[in-house]
Amino acid sequence: MSAEFGGRSGLQDRLSQWLRGRRPKPAADEGGREALLLAAAAAGLPLAPAAHPAGYRCSCDRVGCPTPARHPVSFAWQTQSTTDRAQIERWARHQPGANFVTATGMVHDVLDVPLQAGREALERLLGTGVEVGPVAESDDGRMLFFTLTRGTPEDEDEWWPCELDCHPDTTDEHPGLRWHCRGSYVLVPPARLPGDHGVHWVRGPEHPLPDPLTLLEALTDACARHAGGDADQADTAWPLRH
């Protein structure tokens, strides 16, 4: 019996890990991941496949990728983004390790703030009865508030730019509040980041998308306090119509 057991090296290894208190981690709940992605798509968030962690690196081929596991896998991500259930199911099943991004400025925008400022603002908003939509947290210190979009290419005359507008290549220029609109994207939960970090929902996509202006004052005030400024600085962060 001992010889038979010794020949089953895989079982022996797992038993040794158990005895040492290092039980192997269970496989990811792919069914739960797919359900969350489909729920986001059903809420109108257009999705496209993104890179994922490969150890502490990015799954893409770029040496020294500046945004590991945070960017789309295709340069055509804007036209590729979809809410089609069948297509998202195919992507999720054929690319089980992939993260997904949601393209902003089509149906929704995202107000992206430092985590502590976001938590403070969320508590204030909920405490005053403001309708807050979906909210996500990133373990690397950001909170994402999903809102209705300000405009789309289909209603060009109604779209108005703002100096807070953030694009994938300008995030470093916006350490406080970032406004992801046309031409930008964010990771949609569930997403994995290098170092066992991730992005997850605090309030799921079943919550209706609010008007961004109903959240903006609380977010800018919280960001000003978080940055050590006074509340008056928040007034300068309000967007101007052009």
Protein backbone atom coordinates (compact mmCIF):
# COMPACT_ATOMS: atom_id res chain seq x y z
CA MET A 1 0.00 0.00 0.00
CA SER A 2 2.80 2.35 0.84
CA ALA A 3 4.46 1.63 -2.49
CA GLU A 4 1.20 2.37 -4.31
CA PHE A 5 0.78 5.60 -2.40
CA GLY A 6 4.37 6.57 -3.10
CA GLY A 7 3.77 6.15 -6.79
CA ARG A 8 0.92 8.66 -6.77
CA SER A 9 3.12 11.70 -6.49
CA GLY A 10 0.33 14.18 -7.19
CA LEU A 11 -1.79 12.92 -4.32
CA GLN A 12 1.25 12.77 -2.04
CA ASP A 13 2.14 16.35 -2.86
CA ARG A 14 -1.38 17.54 -2.08
CA LEU A 15 -1.39 15.58 1.18
CA SER A 16 1.97 17.09 2.15
CA GLN A 17 0.64 20.58 1.46
CA TRP A 18 -2.43 19.86 3.58
CA LEU A 19 -0.31 18.63 6.47
CA ARG A 20 1.86 21.73 6.27
CA GLY A 21 -1.25 23.96 6.33
CA ARG A 22 -0.75 25.01 2.72
CA ARG A 23 -3.87 23.62 1.15
CA PRO A 24 -3.88 24.48 -2.58
CA LYS A 25 -6.14 27.38 -3.50
CA PRO A 26 -9.37 26.37 -5.24
CA ALA A 27 -9.81 27.22 -8.89
CA ALA A 28 -11.42 30.56 -9.69
CA ASP A 29 -15.21 30.56 -9.82
CA GLU A 30 -15.49 30.95 -13.56
CA GLY A 31 -19.29 30.67 -13.41
CA GLY A 32 -19.42 33.61 -11.00
CA ARG A 33 -17.06 35.63 -13.17
CA GLU A 34 -19.13 35.06 -16.27
CA ALA A 35 -22.37 35.92 -14.46
CA LEU A 36 -20.91 39.22 -13.24
CA LEU A 37 -19.70 40.11 -16.74
CA LEU A 38 -23.10 39.31 -18.23
CA ALA A 39 -24.81 41.38 -15.55
CA ALA A 40 -22.62 44.35 -16.46
CA ALA A 41 -23.46 43.89 -20.15
CA ALA A 42 -27.17 43.56 -19.35
CA ALA A 43 -26.94 46.93 -17.57
CA GLY A 44 -25.67 48.45 -20.82
CA LEU A 45 -21.90 48.49 -20.18
CA PRO A 46 -20.11 47.60 -23.43
CA LEU A 47 -17.28 45.13 -22.78
CA ALA A 48 -14.09 44.08 -24.54
CA PRO A 49 -11.35 41.61 -23.53
CA ALA A 50 -8.30 42.97 -21.69
CA ALA A 51 -4.91 41.73 -20.59
CA HIS A 52 -4.45 39.85 -17.33
CA PRO A 53 -1.64 39.23 -14.83
CA ALA A 54 1.09 36.76 -15.71
CA GLY A 55 2.79 36.53 -12.34
CA TYR A 56 3.81 40.09 -11.56
CA ARG A 57 3.87 40.98 -15.23
CA CYS A 58 1.31 41.58 -17.93
CA SER A 59 0.04 38.89 -20.27
CA CYS A 60 0.81 41.11 -23.28
CA ASP A 61 4.07 40.90 -25.22
CA ARG A 62 5.15 44.44 -24.43
CA VAL A 63 8.38 44.60 -22.43
CA GLY A 64 7.88 46.78 -19.36
CA CYS A 65 4.15 47.25 -19.98
CA PRO A 66 3.22 50.53 -18.20
CA THR A 67 -0.31 49.37 -17.36
CA PRO A 68 -0.05 45.63 -16.69
CA ALA A 69 -3.37 43.78 -16.84
CA ARG A 70 -5.24 47.07 -17.32
CA HIS A 71 -5.45 47.54 -21.09
CA PRO A 72 -7.49 45.99 -23.93
CA VAL A 73 -5.92 43.21 -25.96
CA SER A 74 -7.02 44.78 -29.25
CA PHE A 75 -6.36 48.23 -30.66
CA ALA A 76 -9.93 48.05 -32.00
CA TRP A 77 -11.40 47.89 -28.49
CA GLN A 78 -13.81 50.79 -29.10
CA THR A 79 -15.52 49.14 -32.05
CA GLN A 80 -15.11 45.69 -30.50
CA SER A 81 -16.89 46.65 -27.26
CA THR A 82 -20.31 45.07 -27.04
CA THR A 83 -23.19 44.13 -24.77
CA ASP A 84 -24.02 41.06 -26.87
CA ARG A 85 -24.49 38.15 -24.47
CA ALA A 86 -23.36 35.42 -26.86
CA GLN A 87 -20.16 37.26 -27.77
CA ILE A 88 -19.26 37.93 -24.14
CA GLU A 89 -19.89 34.29 -23.26
CA ARG A 90 -17.53 33.22 -26.07
CA TRP A 91 -14.82 35.61 -24.90
CA ALA A 92 -15.19 34.59 -21.26
CA ARG A 93 -15.01 30.87 -22.06
CA HIS A 94 -12.25 31.01 -24.66
CA GLN A 95 -10.13 33.46 -22.65
CA PRO A 96 -10.65 32.27 -19.06
CA GLY A 97 -7.81 34.37 -17.67
CA ALA A 98 -8.74 37.62 -19.40
CA ASN A 99 -9.86 40.77 -17.66
CA PHE A 100 -12.47 42.93 -19.37
CA VAL A 101 -12.67 46.67 -19.92
CA THR A 102 -15.81 48.70 -20.45
CA ALA A 103 -15.66 51.51 -22.97
CA THR A 104 -16.86 54.81 -21.51
CA GLY A 105 -18.59 57.65 -23.33
CA MET A 106 -21.06 55.39 -25.15
CA VAL A 107 -23.68 54.63 -22.50
CA HIS A 108 -21.85 55.52 -19.33
CA ASP A 109 -19.00 57.58 -17.92
CA VAL A 110 -16.89 56.78 -14.87
CA LEU A 111 -15.81 59.20 -12.14
CA ASP A 112 -12.57 57.73 -10.81
CA VAL A 113 -11.25 59.00 -7.44
CA PRO A 114 -8.71 58.01 -4.76
CA LEU A 115 -10.11 55.23 -2.61
CA GLN A 116 -10.35 57.08 0.72
CA ALA A 117 -11.94 60.11 -0.92
CA GLY A 118 -14.38 57.83 -2.71
CA ARG A 119 -15.40 56.02 0.46
CA GLU A 120 -15.97 59.34 2.22
CA ALA A 121 -18.05 60.67 -0.66
CA LEU A 122 -20.05 57.45 -0.97
CA GLU A 123 -20.99 57.57 2.71
CA ARG A 124 -22.01 61.21 2.38
CA LEU A 125 -24.06 60.60 -0.77
CA LEU A 126 -25.91 57.61 0.61
CA GLY A 127 -26.46 59.41 3.92
CA THR A 128 -28.18 62.31 2.17
CA GLY A 129 -30.37 60.07 0.02
CA VAL A 130 -28.63 60.70 -3.32
CA GLU A 131 -29.20 57.94 -5.87
CA VAL A 132 -25.76 56.40 -6.38
CA GLY A 133 -25.28 53.95 -9.21
CA PRO A 134 -22.77 51.12 -9.58
CA VAL A 135 -19.52 51.61 -7.68
CA ALA A 136 -16.33 49.55 -7.90
CA GLU A 137 -13.12 49.47 -5.85
CA SER A 138 -9.64 48.72 -7.08
CA ASP A 139 -7.19 47.22 -4.57
CA ASP A 140 -4.49 49.59 -5.79
CA GLY A 141 -6.33 52.56 -4.31
CA ARG A 142 -9.08 53.86 -6.62
CA MET A 143 -12.88 53.94 -6.48
CA LEU A 144 -14.99 54.04 -9.65
CA PHE A 145 -18.45 55.68 -9.77
CA PHE A 146 -20.41 54.64 -12.89
CA THR A 147 -22.77 57.31 -14.24
CA LEU A 148 -24.74 58.19 -17.34
CA THR A 149 -22.56 59.60 -20.10
CA ARG A 150 -22.48 63.30 -20.92
CA GLY A 151 -22.65 62.65 -24.62
CA THR A 152 -21.86 60.29 -27.47
CA PRO A 153 -20.71 60.68 -31.07
CA GLU A 154 -24.38 60.33 -32.08
CA ASP A 155 -25.30 63.59 -30.31
CA GLU A 156 -22.15 65.55 -30.98
CA ASP A 157 -23.76 68.95 -30.32
CA GLU A 158 -24.72 67.90 -26.80
CA TRP A 159 -21.27 66.64 -25.80
CA TRP A 160 -19.26 69.07 -23.67
CA PRO A 161 -15.59 68.67 -22.74
CA CYS A 162 -14.17 69.15 -19.26
CA GLU A 163 -10.63 69.63 -18.01
CA LEU A 164 -11.14 66.59 -15.77
CA ASP A 165 -11.56 64.33 -18.82
CA CYS A 166 -9.21 61.38 -18.53
CA HIS A 167 -7.96 59.06 -21.25
CA PRO A 168 -5.84 55.93 -20.86
CA ASP A 169 -2.64 57.83 -21.65
CA THR A 170 -3.36 60.75 -19.28
CA THR A 171 -4.13 59.02 -15.98
CA ASP A 172 -0.86 60.17 -14.43
CA GLU A 173 -1.98 63.77 -15.02
CA HIS A 174 -5.10 63.23 -12.90
CA PRO A 175 -4.08 61.99 -9.45
CA GLY A 176 -7.34 63.26 -7.99
CA LEU A 177 -10.64 63.07 -9.84
CA ARG A 178 -10.58 61.48 -13.28
CA TRP A 179 -13.57 61.67 -15.60
CA HIS A 180 -13.55 58.77 -18.06
CA CYS A 181 -15.73 59.65 -21.02
CA ARG A 182 -15.41 59.31 -24.79
CA GLY A 183 -12.25 57.51 -25.84
CA SER A 184 -11.49 56.02 -22.44
CA TYR A 185 -12.15 52.79 -20.59
CA VAL A 186 -11.90 51.22 -17.14
CA LEU A 187 -11.61 47.66 -15.92
CA VAL A 188 -14.97 46.12 -15.13
CA PRO A 189 -15.26 43.77 -12.15
CA PRO A 190 -14.28 41.11 -11.57
CA ALA A 191 -10.72 41.86 -12.67
CA ARG A 192 -7.32 40.67 -11.46
CA LEU A 193 -4.23 42.84 -11.10
CA PRO A 194 -0.61 41.83 -10.46
CA GLY A 195 0.26 41.06 -6.86
CA ASP A 196 -3.02 39.34 -5.96
CA HIS A 197 -4.91 42.62 -6.28
CA GLY A 198 -8.20 43.08 -8.07
CA VAL A 199 -11.22 45.20 -8.94
CA HIS A 200 -14.59 44.31 -7.43
CA TRP A 201 -18.10 45.74 -7.12
CA VAL A 202 -19.12 47.66 -4.01
CA ARG A 203 -22.53 48.38 -5.55
CA GLY A 204 -23.39 46.18 -8.50
CA PRO A 205 -24.51 47.07 -12.02
CA GLU A 206 -28.15 46.44 -11.09
CA HIS A 207 -28.23 49.99 -9.69
CA PRO A 208 -29.44 52.57 -12.27
CA LEU A 209 -26.83 54.92 -13.68
CA PRO A 210 -27.17 58.42 -12.16
CA ASP A 211 -26.52 61.81 -13.72
CA PRO A 212 -22.81 62.55 -13.07
CA LEU A 213 -23.57 66.05 -11.82
CA THR A 214 -25.50 64.62 -8.85
CA LEU A 215 -22.24 63.03 -7.61
CA LEU A 216 -19.65 65.55 -8.71
CA GLU A 217 -19.80 68.03 -5.81
CA ALA A 218 -19.41 65.34 -3.15
CA LEU A 219 -16.56 63.74 -5.08
CA THR A 220 -14.65 66.97 -5.71
CA ASP A 221 -15.07 68.05 -2.07
CA ALA A 222 -13.79 64.71 -0.82
CA CYS A 223 -10.85 64.78 -3.26
CA ALA A 224 -9.93 68.30 -2.10
CA ARG A 225 -9.92 67.20 1.53
CA HIS A 226 -8.01 64.04 0.67
CA ALA A 227 -5.35 66.11 -1.10
CA GLY A 228 -5.03 68.44 1.90
CA GLY A 229 -6.70 71.40 0.18
CA ASP A 230 -9.66 73.40 1.42
CA ALA A 231 -13.23 73.01 0.25
CA ASP A 232 -12.99 76.13 -1.94
CA GLN A 233 -10.59 74.27 -4.24
CA ALA A 234 -13.42 71.95 -5.17
CA ASP A 235 -15.26 74.81 -6.88
CA THR A 236 -12.51 75.08 -9.50
CA ALA A 237 -12.98 71.45 -10.46
CA TRP A 238 -16.51 71.93 -11.81
CA PRO A 239 -16.64 71.47 -15.61
CA LEU A 240 -17.42 74.34 -17.93
CA ARG A 241 -19.63 74.06 -20.99
CA HIS A 242 -18.03 75.08 -24.27
